[in-house]
Amino acid sequence: MPSATAQANAKKLSVRAAVEHVFAHQKMRFGLFIRTIGLARAEAKLTLANLAYNFDRLIFHEHRAATG
């Protein structure tokens, strides 16, 4: 692999890892599987999954802060 390609991949790695972690969590915990007709329905399903994920993270962090 050329060094320029390796450097470009290294820059994208941290962002990609963070995003893939969220999608993996949504798939495993919430059973996220998007098979809809139309972009609007797919966006709605993703929006609800993201909202549920954010509430889950909020509860986790509040519980963690309360227990020390």
C-alpha atoms as a PDB file:
ATOM      1  CA  MET A   1       0.000   0.000   0.000  1.00  0.00           C
ATOM      2  CA  PRO A   2       1.429   3.421  -0.865  1.00  0.00           C
ATOM      3  CA  SER A   3       2.372   5.582   2.093  1.00  0.00           C
ATOM      4  CA  ALA A   4      -0.055   8.342   1.061  1.00  0.00           C
ATOM      5  CA  THR A   5      -2.938   5.866   1.165  1.00  0.00           C
ATOM      6  CA  ALA A   6      -1.809   4.539   4.543  1.00  0.00           C
ATOM      7  CA  GLN A   7      -1.664   8.063   5.970  1.00  0.00           C
ATOM      8  CA  ALA A   8      -5.125   8.897   4.624  1.00  0.00           C
ATOM      9  CA  ASN A   9      -6.533   5.699   6.146  1.00  0.00           C
ATOM     10  CA  ALA A  10      -4.910   6.472   9.505  1.00  0.00           C
ATOM     11  CA  LYS A  11      -6.597   9.888   9.605  1.00  0.00           C
ATOM     12  CA  LYS A  12     -10.012   8.358   8.916  1.00  0.00           C
ATOM     13  CA  LEU A  13      -9.568   5.486  11.367  1.00  0.00           C
ATOM     14  CA  SER A  14     -10.659   7.238  14.577  1.00  0.00           C
ATOM     15  CA  VAL A  15     -13.808   8.704  13.043  1.00  0.00           C
ATOM     16  CA  ARG A  16     -14.706   5.422  11.365  1.00  0.00           C
ATOM     17  CA  ALA A  17     -14.179   3.471  14.584  1.00  0.00           C
ATOM     18  CA  ALA A  18     -16.465   5.778  16.568  1.00  0.00           C
ATOM     19  CA  VAL A  19     -19.250   5.616  13.989  1.00  0.00           C
ATOM     20  CA  GLU A  20     -19.015   1.868  13.497  1.00  0.00           C
ATOM     21  CA  HIS A  21     -19.189   1.361  17.270  1.00  0.00           C
ATOM     22  CA  VAL A  22     -22.526   3.184  17.415  1.00  0.00           C
ATOM     23  CA  PHE A  23     -23.987   1.219  14.508  1.00  0.00           C
ATOM     24  CA  ALA A  24     -22.811  -2.076  15.986  1.00  0.00           C
ATOM     25  CA  HIS A  25     -24.441  -1.188  19.305  1.00  0.00           C
ATOM     26  CA  GLN A  26     -27.692  -0.291  17.594  1.00  0.00           C
ATOM     27  CA  LYS A  27     -27.710  -3.514  15.609  1.00  0.00           C
ATOM     28  CA  MET A  28     -26.960  -5.729  18.593  1.00  0.00           C
ATOM     29  CA  ARG A  29     -29.013  -3.992  21.295  1.00  0.00           C
ATOM     30  CA  PHE A  30     -31.953  -2.626  19.332  1.00  0.00           C
ATOM     31  CA  GLY A  31     -32.058  -5.078  16.445  1.00  0.00           C
ATOM     32  CA  LEU A  32     -31.601  -2.305  13.910  1.00  0.00           C
ATOM     33  CA  PHE A  33     -32.319  -3.582  10.434  1.00  0.00           C
ATOM     34  CA  ILE A  34     -33.490  -1.082   7.863  1.00  0.00           C
ATOM     35  CA  ARG A  35     -35.602  -2.579   5.139  1.00  0.00           C
ATOM     36  CA  THR A  36     -38.105   0.036   4.154  1.00  0.00           C
ATOM     37  CA  ILE A  37     -39.544   1.503   1.000  1.00  0.00           C
ATOM     38  CA  GLY A  38     -38.588   5.140   0.648  1.00  0.00           C
ATOM     39  CA  LEU A  39     -35.940   7.372   2.076  1.00  0.00           C
ATOM     40  CA  ALA A  40     -38.318   9.114   4.504  1.00  0.00           C
ATOM     41  CA  ARG A  41     -39.193   5.859   6.274  1.00  0.00           C
ATOM     42  CA  ALA A  42     -35.543   4.843   6.465  1.00  0.00           C
ATOM     43  CA  GLU A  43     -34.629   8.243   7.932  1.00  0.00           C
ATOM     44  CA  ALA A  44     -37.439   7.951  10.468  1.00  0.00           C
ATOM     45  CA  LYS A  45     -36.264   4.511  11.549  1.00  0.00           C
ATOM     46  CA  LEU A  46     -32.659   5.696  11.866  1.00  0.00           C
ATOM     47  CA  THR A  47     -33.739   8.787  13.772  1.00  0.00           C
ATOM     48  CA  LEU A  48     -35.668   6.704  16.297  1.00  0.00           C
ATOM     49  CA  ALA A  49     -32.751   4.297  16.675  1.00  0.00           C
ATOM     50  CA  ASN A  50     -30.371   7.216  17.267  1.00  0.00           C
ATOM     51  CA  LEU A  51     -32.745   8.733  19.807  1.00  0.00           C
ATOM     52  CA  ALA A  52     -32.978   5.435  21.677  1.00  0.00           C
ATOM     53  CA  TYR A  53     -29.191   5.081  21.598  1.00  0.00           C
ATOM     54  CA  ASN A  54     -28.705   8.601  22.961  1.00  0.00           C
ATOM     55  CA  PHE A  55     -31.167   7.977  25.801  1.00  0.00           C
ATOM     56  CA  ASP A  56     -29.390   4.715  26.583  1.00  0.00           C
ATOM     57  CA  ARG A  57     -26.039   6.529  26.770  1.00  0.00           C
ATOM     58  CA  LEU A  58     -27.558   9.297  28.918  1.00  0.00           C
ATOM     59  CA  ILE A  59     -28.898   6.768  31.411  1.00  0.00           C
ATOM     60  CA  PHE A  60     -25.546   4.973  31.462  1.00  0.00           C
ATOM     61  CA  HIS A  61     -23.602   8.161  32.181  1.00  0.00           C
ATOM     62  CA  GLU A  62     -26.071   9.405  34.823  1.00  0.00           C
ATOM     63  CA  HIS A  63     -25.943   6.042  36.601  1.00  0.00           C
ATOM     64  CA  ARG A  64     -22.155   6.048  36.410  1.00  0.00           C
ATOM     65  CA  ALA A  65     -21.953   9.583  37.840  1.00  0.00           C
ATOM     66  CA  ALA A  66     -24.370   8.727  40.665  1.00  0.00           C
ATOM     67  CA  THR A  67     -22.444   5.643  41.773  1.00  0.00           C
ATOM     68  CA  GLY A  68     -19.087   7.353  41.695  1.00  0.00           C
END
